[in-house]
Amino acid sequence: MEKTFLQVRTEKSDKEKASDILESLGTNLSSVVNMLLKQIILTKSIPFEVKMPSGYSTSEVTEEVKASMAMENMPLTQDDINLLKTYQISTDSEKESIRNQLIAELTEE
């Protein structure tokens, strides 16, 4: 089977902590990433629950998104941040309207 190279950006301290834990468990980061990919294929889903921990404030959530986007060289503008804050407190129908507006703006370019 042909192998390929997968590159992931992450915080250095997160990689080091995870690597230490995995080493103590007798495995390594590469093996666990491969296990994750196989489980995604087998289950056709993310093989664990993905949710925001309770107790995250709106500003903490916004800062997490901002940091993640910056790591991908997609820094958020203040308008983007304001839109995120509006989205977080919106009703479902308002969220749908915001999504439609963003899709329309992105498809115009």
PDB file of N, CA and C in Angstrom:
ATOM      1  N   MET A   1       0.844  -1.170   0.000  1.00  0.00           N
ATOM      2  CA  MET A   1       0.000   0.000   0.000  1.00  0.00           C
ATOM      3  C   MET A   1       0.896   1.241   0.000  1.00  0.00           C
ATOM      4  N   GLU A   2       0.582   2.182  -0.881  1.00  0.00           N
ATOM      5  CA  GLU A   2       1.376   3.403  -1.002  1.00  0.00           C
ATOM      6  C   GLU A   2       1.132   4.317   0.196  1.00  0.00           C
ATOM      7  N   LYS A   3       2.206   4.818   0.773  1.00  0.00           N
ATOM      8  CA  LYS A   3       2.119   5.729   1.918  1.00  0.00           C
ATOM      9  C   LYS A   3       2.198   7.167   1.429  1.00  0.00           C
ATOM     10  N   THR A   4       1.622   8.079   2.198  1.00  0.00           N
ATOM     11  CA  THR A   4       1.702   9.501   1.898  1.00  0.00           C
ATOM     12  C   THR A   4       2.081  10.249   3.164  1.00  0.00           C
ATOM     13  N   PHE A   5       2.467  11.482   3.013  1.00  0.00           N
ATOM     14  CA  PHE A   5       2.903  12.310   4.132  1.00  0.00           C
ATOM     15  C   PHE A   5       1.748  13.211   4.553  1.00  0.00           C
ATOM     16  N   LEU A   6       1.471  13.268   5.858  1.00  0.00           N
ATOM     17  CA  LEU A   6       0.413  14.109   6.404  1.00  0.00           C
ATOM     18  C   LEU A   6       1.051  15.118   7.351  1.00  0.00           C
ATOM     19  N   GLN A   7       0.815  16.387   7.114  1.00  0.00           N
ATOM     20  CA  GLN A   7       1.379  17.428   7.968  1.00  0.00           C
ATOM     21  C   GLN A   7       0.244  18.111   8.724  1.00  0.00           C
ATOM     22  N   VAL A   8       0.432  18.283  10.029  1.00  0.00           N
ATOM     23  CA  VAL A   8      -0.590  18.884  10.881  1.00  0.00           C
ATOM     24  C   VAL A   8       0.048  20.001  11.688  1.00  0.00           C
ATOM     25  N   ARG A   9      -0.618  21.134  11.763  1.00  0.00           N
ATOM     26  CA  ARG A   9      -0.142  22.226  12.609  1.00  0.00           C
ATOM     27  C   ARG A   9      -0.799  22.115  13.974  1.00  0.00           C
ATOM     28  N   THR A  10       0.015  22.222  15.015  1.00  0.00           N
ATOM     29  CA  THR A  10      -0.508  22.173  16.372  1.00  0.00           C
ATOM     30  C   THR A  10       0.439  22.920  17.294  1.00  0.00           C
ATOM     31  N   GLU A  11      -0.020  23.208  18.474  1.00  0.00           N
ATOM     32  CA  GLU A  11       0.832  23.843  19.465  1.00  0.00           C
ATOM     33  C   GLU A  11       1.956  22.889  19.847  1.00  0.00           C
ATOM     34  N   LYS A  12       3.168  23.418  19.950  1.00  0.00           N
ATOM     35  CA  LYS A  12       4.329  22.593  20.283  1.00  0.00           C
ATOM     36  C   LYS A  12       4.120  21.868  21.616  1.00  0.00           C
ATOM     37  N   SER A  13       3.613  22.588  22.611  1.00  0.00           N
ATOM     38  CA  SER A  13       3.427  21.980  23.936  1.00  0.00           C
ATOM     39  C   SER A  13       2.385  20.860  23.886  1.00  0.00           C
ATOM     40  N   ASP A  14       1.331  21.011  23.060  1.00  0.00           N
ATOM     41  CA  ASP A  14       0.324  19.954  22.925  1.00  0.00           C
ATOM     42  C   ASP A  14       0.947  18.697  22.327  1.00  0.00           C
ATOM     43  N   LYS A  15       1.769  18.885  21.294  1.00  0.00           N
ATOM     44  CA  LYS A  15       2.420  17.735  20.659  1.00  0.00           C
ATOM     45  C   LYS A  15       3.329  17.025  21.660  1.00  0.00           C
ATOM     46  N   GLU A  16       4.098  17.804  22.412  1.00  0.00           N
ATOM     47  CA  GLU A  16       5.031  17.204  23.381  1.00  0.00           C
ATOM     48  C   GLU A  16       4.289  16.448  24.478  1.00  0.00           C
ATOM     49  N   LYS A  17       3.224  17.055  25.019  1.00  0.00           N
ATOM     50  CA  LYS A  17       2.448  16.400  26.076  1.00  0.00           C
ATOM     51  C   LYS A  17       1.798  15.120  25.570  1.00  0.00           C
ATOM     52  N   ALA A  18       1.184  15.198  24.385  1.00  0.00           N
ATOM     53  CA  ALA A  18       0.526  14.020  23.821  1.00  0.00           C
ATOM     54  C   ALA A  18       1.553  12.921  23.526  1.00  0.00           C
ATOM     55  N   SER A  19       2.695  13.303  22.981  1.00  0.00           N
ATOM     56  CA  SER A  19       3.738  12.316  22.668  1.00  0.00           C
ATOM     57  C   SER A  19       4.226  11.611  23.923  1.00  0.00           C
ATOM     58  N   ASP A  20       4.403  12.369  24.999  1.00  0.00           N
ATOM     59  CA  ASP A  20       4.833  11.767  26.267  1.00  0.00           C
ATOM     60  C   ASP A  20       3.805  10.758  26.783  1.00  0.00           C
ATOM     61  N   ILE A  21       2.536  11.141  26.727  1.00  0.00           N
ATOM     62  CA  ILE A  21       1.465  10.251  27.194  1.00  0.00           C
ATOM     63  C   ILE A  21       1.418   8.994  26.337  1.00  0.00           C
ATOM     64  N   LEU A  22       1.473   9.170  25.019  1.00  0.00           N
ATOM     65  CA  LEU A  22       1.398   8.019  24.122  1.00  0.00           C
ATOM     66  C   LEU A  22       2.596   7.092  24.290  1.00  0.00           C
ATOM     67  N   GLU A  23       3.765   7.671  24.513  1.00  0.00           N
ATOM     68  CA  GLU A  23       4.956   6.843  24.743  1.00  0.00           C
ATOM     69  C   GLU A  23       4.779   5.989  25.997  1.00  0.00           C
ATOM     70  N   SER A  24       4.190   6.579  27.037  1.00  0.00           N
ATOM     71  CA  SER A  24       3.970   5.819  28.262  1.00  0.00           C
ATOM     72  C   SER A  24       2.940   4.707  28.052  1.00  0.00           C
ATOM     73  N   LEU A  25       2.099   4.863  27.021  1.00  0.00           N
ATOM     74  CA  LEU A  25       1.106   3.850  26.676  1.00  0.00           C
ATOM     75  C   LEU A  25       1.651   2.834  25.670  1.00  0.00           C
ATOM     76  N   GLY A  26       2.914   3.018  25.255  1.00  0.00           N
ATOM     77  CA  GLY A  26       3.541   2.074  24.342  1.00  0.00           C
ATOM     78  C   GLY A  26       3.248   2.309  22.880  1.00  0.00           C
ATOM     79  N   THR A  27       2.872   3.527  22.530  1.00  0.00           N
ATOM     80  CA  THR A  27       2.594   3.843  21.127  1.00  0.00           C
ATOM     81  C   THR A  27       3.171   5.224  20.816  1.00  0.00           C
ATOM     82  N   ASN A  28       2.834   5.761  19.656  1.00  0.00           N
ATOM     83  CA  ASN A  28       3.338   7.085  19.286  1.00  0.00           C
ATOM     84  C   ASN A  28       2.277   7.855  18.525  1.00  0.00           C
ATOM     85  N   LEU A  29       2.558   9.120  18.303  1.00  0.00           N
ATOM     86  CA  LEU A  29       1.592  10.019  17.676  1.00  0.00           C
ATOM     87  C   LEU A  29       1.210   9.560  16.266  1.00  0.00           C
ATOM     88  N   SER A  30       2.177   9.129  15.495  1.00  0.00           N
ATOM     89  CA  SER A  30       1.906   8.677  14.135  1.00  0.00           C
ATOM     90  C   SER A  30       0.940   7.489  14.123  1.00  0.00           C
ATOM     91  N   SER A  31       1.174   6.533  15.008  1.00  0.00           N
ATOM     92  CA  SER A  31       0.285   5.358  15.078  1.00  0.00           C
ATOM     93  C   SER A  31      -1.128   5.749  15.467  1.00  0.00           C
ATOM     94  N   VAL A  32      -1.251   6.663  16.410  1.00  0.00           N
ATOM     95  CA  VAL A  32      -2.579   7.083  16.865  1.00  0.00           C
ATOM     96  C   VAL A  32      -3.308   7.861  15.771  1.00  0.00           C
ATOM     97  N   VAL A  33      -2.594   8.692  15.025  1.00  0.00           N
ATOM     98  CA  VAL A  33      -3.224   9.412  13.909  1.00  0.00           C
ATOM     99  C   VAL A  33      -3.711   8.405  12.866  1.00  0.00           C
ATOM    100  N   ASN A  34      -2.910   7.387  12.583  1.00  0.00           N
ATOM    101  CA  ASN A  34      -3.341   6.352  11.639  1.00  0.00           C
ATOM    102  C   ASN A  34      -4.562   5.601  12.159  1.00  0.00           C
ATOM    103  N   MET A  35      -4.595   5.305  13.467  1.00  0.00           N
ATOM    104  CA  MET A  35      -5.776   4.664  14.052  1.00  0.00           C
ATOM    105  C   MET A  35      -7.001   5.551  13.888  1.00  0.00           C
ATOM    106  N   LEU A  36      -6.835   6.841  14.138  1.00  0.00           N
ATOM    107  CA  LEU A  36      -7.940   7.790  13.997  1.00  0.00           C
ATOM    108  C   LEU A  36      -8.466   7.791  12.567  1.00  0.00           C
ATOM    109  N   LEU A  37      -7.566   7.861  11.595  1.00  0.00           N
ATOM    110  CA  LEU A  37      -7.991   7.867  10.195  1.00  0.00           C
ATOM    111  C   LEU A  37      -8.758   6.591   9.844  1.00  0.00           C
ATOM    112  N   LYS A  38      -8.274   5.437  10.318  1.00  0.00           N
ATOM    113  CA  LYS A  38      -8.967   4.165  10.052  1.00  0.00           C
ATOM    114  C   LYS A  38     -10.356   4.163  10.674  1.00  0.00           C
ATOM    115  N   GLN A  39     -10.487   4.695  11.887  1.00  0.00           N
ATOM    116  CA  GLN A  39     -11.796   4.741  12.545  1.00  0.00           C
ATOM    117  C   GLN A  39     -12.753   5.679  11.820  1.00  0.00           C
ATOM    118  N   ILE A  40     -12.234   6.787  11.301  1.00  0.00           N
ATOM    119  CA  ILE A  40     -13.076   7.705  10.521  1.00  0.00           C
ATOM    120  C   ILE A  40     -13.621   6.975   9.301  1.00  0.00           C
ATOM    121  N   ILE A  41     -12.761   6.215   8.642  1.00  0.00           N
ATOM    122  CA  ILE A  41     -13.176   5.457   7.454  1.00  0.00           C
ATOM    123  C   ILE A  41     -14.194   4.378   7.830  1.00  0.00           C
ATOM    124  N   LEU A  42     -13.919   3.630   8.888  1.00  0.00           N
ATOM    125  CA  LEU A  42     -14.811   2.540   9.296  1.00  0.00           C
ATOM    126  C   LEU A  42     -16.177   3.029   9.752  1.00  0.00           C
ATOM    127  N   THR A  43     -16.197   4.124  10.526  1.00  0.00           N
ATOM    128  CA  THR A  43     -17.460   4.601  11.099  1.00  0.00           C
ATOM    129  C   THR A  43     -18.134   5.673  10.255  1.00  0.00           C
ATOM    130  N   LYS A  44     -17.386   6.196   9.275  1.00  0.00           N
ATOM    131  CA  LYS A  44     -17.877   7.308   8.446  1.00  0.00           C
ATOM    132  C   LYS A  44     -18.338   8.474   9.331  1.00  0.00           C
ATOM    133  N   SER A  45     -17.556   8.702  10.394  1.00  0.00           N
ATOM    134  CA  SER A  45     -17.866   9.776  11.338  1.00  0.00           C
ATOM    135  C   SER A  45     -16.617  10.089  12.150  1.00  0.00           C
ATOM    136  N   ILE A  46     -16.714  11.093  12.970  1.00  0.00           N
ATOM    137  CA  ILE A  46     -15.661  11.348  13.944  1.00  0.00           C
ATOM    138  C   ILE A  46     -15.903  10.362  15.076  1.00  0.00           C
ATOM    139  N   PRO A  47     -14.914   9.526  15.392  1.00  0.00           N
ATOM    140  CA  PRO A  47     -15.169   8.422  16.323  1.00  0.00           C
ATOM    141  C   PRO A  47     -15.178   8.802  17.803  1.00  0.00           C
ATOM    142  N   PHE A  48     -15.499  10.021  18.098  1.00  0.00           N
ATOM    143  CA  PHE A  48     -15.665  10.460  19.476  1.00  0.00           C
ATOM    144  C   PHE A  48     -16.559  11.681  19.457  1.00  0.00           C
ATOM    145  N   GLU A  49     -17.133  11.989  20.600  1.00  0.00           N
ATOM    146  CA  GLU A  49     -18.043  13.122  20.693  1.00  0.00           C
ATOM    147  C   GLU A  49     -17.264  14.427  20.603  1.00  0.00           C
ATOM    148  N   VAL A  50     -17.752  15.339  19.781  1.00  0.00           N
ATOM    149  CA  VAL A  50     -17.121  16.649  19.631  1.00  0.00           C
ATOM    150  C   VAL A  50     -18.098  17.690  20.159  1.00  0.00           C
ATOM    151  N   LYS A  51     -17.720  18.350  21.241  1.00  0.00           N
ATOM    152  CA  LYS A  51     -18.579  19.379  21.797  1.00  0.00           C
ATOM    153  C   LYS A  51     -17.736  20.356  22.598  1.00  0.00           C
ATOM    154  N   MET A  52     -18.287  21.506  22.833  1.00  0.00           N
ATOM    155  CA  MET A  52     -17.607  22.515  23.642  1.00  0.00           C
ATOM    156  C   MET A  52     -17.774  22.135  25.105  1.00  0.00           C
ATOM    157  N   PRO A  53     -16.684  22.169  25.855  1.00  0.00           N
ATOM    158  CA  PRO A  53     -16.812  21.897  27.287  1.00  0.00           C
ATOM    159  C   PRO A  53     -17.704  22.940  27.941  1.00  0.00           C
ATOM    160  N   SER A  54     -18.478  22.508  28.900  1.00  0.00           N
ATOM    161  CA  SER A  54     -19.323  23.476  29.593  1.00  0.00           C
ATOM    162  C   SER A  54     -18.429  24.445  30.343  1.00  0.00           C
ATOM    163  N   GLY A  55     -18.880  25.643  30.467  1.00  0.00           N
ATOM    164  CA  GLY A  55     -18.108  26.634  31.186  1.00  0.00           C
ATOM    165  C   GLY A  55     -17.279  27.540  30.286  1.00  0.00           C
ATOM    166  N   TYR A  56     -17.219  27.244  28.960  1.00  0.00           N
ATOM    167  CA  TYR A  56     -16.512  28.137  28.045  1.00  0.00           C
ATOM    168  C   TYR A  56     -17.340  29.408  27.887  1.00  0.00           C
ATOM    169  N   SER A  57     -16.728  30.532  28.090  1.00  0.00           N
ATOM    170  CA  SER A  57     -17.434  31.794  27.883  1.00  0.00           C
ATOM    171  C   SER A  57     -17.415  32.139  26.397  1.00  0.00           C
ATOM    172  N   THR A  58     -18.269  33.067  25.997  1.00  0.00           N
ATOM    173  CA  THR A  58     -18.316  33.510  24.605  1.00  0.00           C
ATOM    174  C   THR A  58     -16.960  34.028  24.168  1.00  0.00           C
ATOM    175  N   SER A  59     -16.291  34.785  25.019  1.00  0.00           N
ATOM    176  CA  SER A  59     -14.985  35.329  24.637  1.00  0.00           C
ATOM    177  C   SER A  59     -13.937  34.228  24.511  1.00  0.00           C
ATOM    178  N   GLU A  60     -14.014  33.183  25.360  1.00  0.00           N
ATOM    179  CA  GLU A  60     -13.069  32.067  25.251  1.00  0.00           C
ATOM    180  C   GLU A  60     -13.284  31.294  23.950  1.00  0.00           C
ATOM    181  N   VAL A  61     -14.533  31.074  23.591  1.00  0.00           N
ATOM    182  CA  VAL A  61     -14.839  30.382  22.339  1.00  0.00           C
ATOM    183  C   VAL A  61     -14.324  31.207  21.162  1.00  0.00           C
ATOM    184  N   THR A  62     -14.589  32.495  21.182  1.00  0.00           N
ATOM    185  CA  THR A  62     -14.142  33.377  20.114  1.00  0.00           C
ATOM    186  C   THR A  62     -12.621  33.370  20.004  1.00  0.00           C
ATOM    187  N   GLU A  63     -11.923  33.413  21.127  1.00  0.00           N
ATOM    188  CA  GLU A  63     -10.461  33.391  21.119  1.00  0.00           C
ATOM    189  C   GLU A  63      -9.929  32.065  20.575  1.00  0.00           C
ATOM    190  N   GLU A  64     -10.599  30.949  20.889  1.00  0.00           N
ATOM    191  CA  GLU A  64     -10.199  29.646  20.355  1.00  0.00           C
ATOM    192  C   GLU A  64     -10.302  29.638  18.837  1.00  0.00           C
ATOM    193  N   VAL A  65     -11.423  30.120  18.310  1.00  0.00           N
ATOM    194  CA  VAL A  65     -11.618  30.159  16.865  1.00  0.00           C
ATOM    195  C   VAL A  65     -10.586  31.082  16.227  1.00  0.00           C
ATOM    196  N   LYS A  66     -10.388  32.240  16.830  1.00  0.00           N
ATOM    197  CA  LYS A  66      -9.414  33.211  16.314  1.00  0.00           C
ATOM    198  C   LYS A  66      -8.010  32.599  16.256  1.00  0.00           C
ATOM    199  N   ALA A  67      -7.600  31.896  17.304  1.00  0.00           N
ATOM    200  CA  ALA A  67      -6.281  31.272  17.349  1.00  0.00           C
ATOM    201  C   ALA A  67      -6.162  30.164  16.306  1.00  0.00           C
ATOM    202  N   SER A  68      -7.206  29.369  16.155  1.00  0.00           N
ATOM    203  CA  SER A  68      -7.196  28.288  15.166  1.00  0.00           C
ATOM    204  C   SER A  68      -7.073  28.842  13.753  1.00  0.00           C
ATOM    205  N   MET A  69      -7.817  29.870  13.473  1.00  0.00           N
ATOM    206  CA  MET A  69      -7.764  30.479  12.142  1.00  0.00           C
ATOM    207  C   MET A  69      -6.391  31.100  11.881  1.00  0.00           C
ATOM    208  N   ALA A  70      -5.809  31.742  12.880  1.00  0.00           N
ATOM    209  CA  ALA A  70      -4.483  32.349  12.722  1.00  0.00           C
ATOM    210  C   ALA A  70      -3.431  31.284  12.439  1.00  0.00           C
ATOM    211  N   MET A  71      -3.562  30.106  13.085  1.00  0.00           N
ATOM    212  CA  MET A  71      -2.617  29.010  12.843  1.00  0.00           C
ATOM    213  C   MET A  71      -2.676  28.541  11.392  1.00  0.00           C
ATOM    214  N   GLU A  72      -3.807  28.717  10.758  1.00  0.00           N
ATOM    215  CA  GLU A  72      -3.974  28.315   9.356  1.00  0.00           C
ATOM    216  C   GLU A  72      -3.726  29.491   8.411  1.00  0.00           C
ATOM    217  N   ASN A  73      -3.090  30.544   8.923  1.00  0.00           N
ATOM    218  CA  ASN A  73      -2.805  31.749   8.138  1.00  0.00           C
ATOM    219  C   ASN A  73      -4.068  32.385   7.571  1.00  0.00           C
ATOM    220  N   MET A  74      -5.139  32.332   8.364  1.00  0.00           N
ATOM    221  CA  MET A  74      -6.399  32.962   7.993  1.00  0.00           C
ATOM    222  C   MET A  74      -6.867  33.830   9.165  1.00  0.00           C
ATOM    223  N   PRO A  75      -6.104  34.891   9.461  1.00  0.00           N
ATOM    224  CA  PRO A  75      -6.473  35.701  10.621  1.00  0.00           C
ATOM    225  C   PRO A  75      -7.847  36.348  10.455  1.00  0.00           C
ATOM    226  N   LEU A  76      -8.555  36.460  11.561  1.00  0.00           N
ATOM    227  CA  LEU A  76      -9.888  37.057  11.548  1.00  0.00           C
ATOM    228  C   LEU A  76      -9.799  38.568  11.717  1.00  0.00           C
ATOM    229  N   THR A  77     -10.645  39.273  10.971  1.00  0.00           N
ATOM    230  CA  THR A  77     -10.752  40.718  11.148  1.00  0.00           C
ATOM    231  C   THR A  77     -11.691  40.994  12.322  1.00  0.00           C
ATOM    232  N   GLN A  78     -11.749  42.222  12.751  1.00  0.00           N
ATOM    233  CA  GLN A  78     -12.679  42.584  13.826  1.00  0.00           C
ATOM    234  C   GLN A  78     -14.118  42.349  13.381  1.00  0.00           C
ATOM    235  N   ASP A  79     -14.412  42.581  12.095  1.00  0.00           N
ATOM    236  CA  ASP A  79     -15.758  42.301  11.565  1.00  0.00           C
ATOM    237  C   ASP A  79     -16.079  40.813  11.672  1.00  0.00           C
ATOM    238  N   ASP A  80     -15.083  39.962  11.364  1.00  0.00           N
ATOM    239  CA  ASP A  80     -15.279  38.509  11.493  1.00  0.00           C
ATOM    240  C   ASP A  80     -15.593  38.136  12.940  1.00  0.00           C
ATOM    241  N   ILE A  81     -14.843  38.710  13.867  1.00  0.00           N
ATOM    242  CA  ILE A  81     -15.032  38.417  15.296  1.00  0.00           C
ATOM    243  C   ILE A  81     -16.403  38.879  15.755  1.00  0.00           C
ATOM    244  N   ASN A  82     -16.811  40.061  15.322  1.00  0.00           N
ATOM    245  CA  ASN A  82     -18.145  40.572  15.673  1.00  0.00           C
ATOM    246  C   ASN A  82     -19.240  39.652  15.126  1.00  0.00           C
ATOM    247  N   LEU A  83     -19.037  39.137  13.900  1.00  0.00           N
ATOM    248  CA  LEU A  83     -20.009  38.223  13.308  1.00  0.00           C
ATOM    249  C   LEU A  83     -20.072  36.921  14.103  1.00  0.00           C
ATOM    250  N   LEU A  84     -18.920  36.420  14.549  1.00  0.00           N
ATOM    251  CA  LEU A  84     -18.907  35.208  15.385  1.00  0.00           C
ATOM    252  C   LEU A  84     -19.704  35.416  16.665  1.00  0.00           C
ATOM    253  N   LYS A  85     -19.503  36.563  17.295  1.00  0.00           N
ATOM    254  CA  LYS A  85     -20.218  36.857  18.537  1.00  0.00           C
ATOM    255  C   LYS A  85     -21.726  36.946  18.281  1.00  0.00           C
ATOM    256  N   THR A  86     -22.114  37.574  17.190  1.00  0.00           N
ATOM    257  CA  THR A  86     -23.526  37.672  16.827  1.00  0.00           C
ATOM    258  C   THR A  86     -24.099  36.285  16.574  1.00  0.00           C
ATOM    259  N   TYR A  87     -23.331  35.466  15.852  1.00  0.00           N
ATOM    260  CA  TYR A  87     -23.768  34.099  15.531  1.00  0.00           C
ATOM    261  C   TYR A  87     -24.000  33.281  16.797  1.00  0.00           C
ATOM    262  N   GLN A  88     -23.109  33.426  17.766  1.00  0.00           N
ATOM    263  CA  GLN A  88     -23.205  32.640  18.996  1.00  0.00           C
ATOM    264  C   GLN A  88     -24.485  32.908  19.775  1.00  0.00           C
ATOM    265  N   ILE A  89     -24.985  34.112  19.708  1.00  0.00           N
ATOM    266  CA  ILE A  89     -26.177  34.452  20.499  1.00  0.00           C
ATOM    267  C   ILE A  89     -27.455  34.460  19.660  1.00  0.00           C
ATOM    268  N   SER A  90     -27.341  34.069  18.385  1.00  0.00           N
ATOM    269  CA  SER A  90     -28.483  34.109  17.476  1.00  0.00           C
ATOM    270  C   SER A  90     -29.389  32.900  17.633  1.00  0.00           C
ATOM    271  N   THR A  91     -30.625  33.068  17.189  1.00  0.00           N
ATOM    272  CA  THR A  91     -31.562  31.946  17.121  1.00  0.00           C
ATOM    273  C   THR A  91     -31.201  31.092  15.905  1.00  0.00           C
ATOM    274  N   ASP A  92     -31.789  29.926  15.795  1.00  0.00           N
ATOM    275  CA  ASP A  92     -31.501  29.046  14.660  1.00  0.00           C
ATOM    276  C   ASP A  92     -31.803  29.714  13.323  1.00  0.00           C
ATOM    277  N   SER A  93     -32.920  30.403  13.233  1.00  0.00           N
ATOM    278  CA  SER A  93     -33.275  31.050  11.964  1.00  0.00           C
ATOM    279  C   SER A  93     -32.310  32.195  11.649  1.00  0.00           C
ATOM    280  N   GLU A  94     -31.872  32.914  12.668  1.00  0.00           N
ATOM    281  CA  GLU A  94     -30.884  33.975  12.451  1.00  0.00           C
ATOM    282  C   GLU A  94     -29.545  33.385  12.006  1.00  0.00           C
ATOM    283  N   LYS A  95     -29.165  32.251  12.593  1.00  0.00           N
ATOM    284  CA  LYS A  95     -27.928  31.579  12.188  1.00  0.00           C
ATOM    285  C   LYS A  95     -28.008  31.150  10.732  1.00  0.00           C
ATOM    286  N   GLU A  96     -29.163  30.631  10.327  1.00  0.00           N
ATOM    287  CA  GLU A  96     -29.354  30.225   8.933  1.00  0.00           C
ATOM    288  C   GLU A  96     -29.204  31.419   8.003  1.00  0.00           C
ATOM    289  N   SER A  97     -29.747  32.546   8.396  1.00  0.00           N
ATOM    290  CA  SER A  97     -29.634  33.771   7.603  1.00  0.00           C
ATOM    291  C   SER A  97     -28.168  34.213   7.476  1.00  0.00           C
ATOM    292  N   ILE A  98     -27.437  34.142   8.580  1.00  0.00           N
ATOM    293  CA  ILE A  98     -26.015  34.513   8.562  1.00  0.00           C
ATOM    294  C   ILE A  98     -25.238  33.565   7.639  1.00  0.00           C
ATOM    295  N   ARG A  99     -25.499  32.262   7.742  1.00  0.00           N
ATOM    296  CA  ARG A  99     -24.821  31.286   6.868  1.00  0.00           C
ATOM    297  C   ARG A  99     -25.127  31.576   5.409  1.00  0.00           C
ATOM    298  N   ASN A 100     -26.374  31.846   5.089  1.00  0.00           N
ATOM    299  CA  ASN A 100     -26.757  32.146   3.701  1.00  0.00           C
ATOM    300  C   ASN A 100     -26.067  33.409   3.201  1.00  0.00           C
ATOM    301  N   GLN A 101     -25.970  34.410   4.057  1.00  0.00           N
ATOM    302  CA  GLN A 101     -25.301  35.658   3.690  1.00  0.00           C
ATOM    303  C   GLN A 101     -23.825  35.399   3.394  1.00  0.00           C
ATOM    304  N   LEU A 102     -23.166  34.613   4.249  1.00  0.00           N
ATOM    305  CA  LEU A 102     -21.748  34.306   4.039  1.00  0.00           C
ATOM    306  C   LEU A 102     -21.535  33.501   2.761  1.00  0.00           C
ATOM    307  N   ILE A 103     -22.403  32.529   2.524  1.00  0.00           N
ATOM    308  CA  ILE A 103     -22.278  31.714   1.297  1.00  0.00           C
ATOM    309  C   ILE A 103     -22.443  32.599   0.071  1.00  0.00           C
ATOM    310  N   ALA A 104     -23.417  33.497   0.111  1.00  0.00           N
ATOM    311  CA  ALA A 104     -23.636  34.400  -1.024  1.00  0.00           C
ATOM    312  C   ALA A 104     -22.415  35.285  -1.255  1.00  0.00           C
ATOM    313  N   GLU A 105     -21.826  35.797  -0.178  1.00  0.00           N
ATOM    314  CA  GLU A 105     -20.642  36.643  -0.307  1.00  0.00           C
ATOM    315  C   GLU A 105     -19.447  35.860  -0.864  1.00  0.00           C
ATOM    316  N   LEU A 106     -19.291  34.627  -0.415  1.00  0.00           N
ATOM    317  CA  LEU A 106     -18.158  33.808  -0.860  1.00  0.00           C
ATOM    318  C   LEU A 106     -18.309  33.356  -2.310  1.00  0.00           C
ATOM    319  N   THR A 107     -19.527  33.133  -2.752  1.00  0.00           N
ATOM    320  CA  THR A 107     -19.724  32.673  -4.136  1.00  0.00           C
ATOM    321  C   THR A 107     -19.678  33.811  -5.122  1.00  0.00           C
ATOM    322  N   GLU A 108     -19.751  35.048  -4.652  1.00  0.00           N
ATOM    323  CA  GLU A 108     -19.642  36.208  -5.538  1.00  0.00           C
ATOM    324  C   GLU A 108     -18.205  36.442  -5.990  1.00  0.00           C
ATOM    325  N   GLU A 109     -17.242  36.021  -5.174  1.00  0.00           N
ATOM    326  CA  GLU A 109     -15.826  36.317  -5.476  1.00  0.00           C
ATOM    327  C   GLU A 109     -15.308  35.546  -6.636  1.00  0.00           C
TER     328      GLU A 109
END
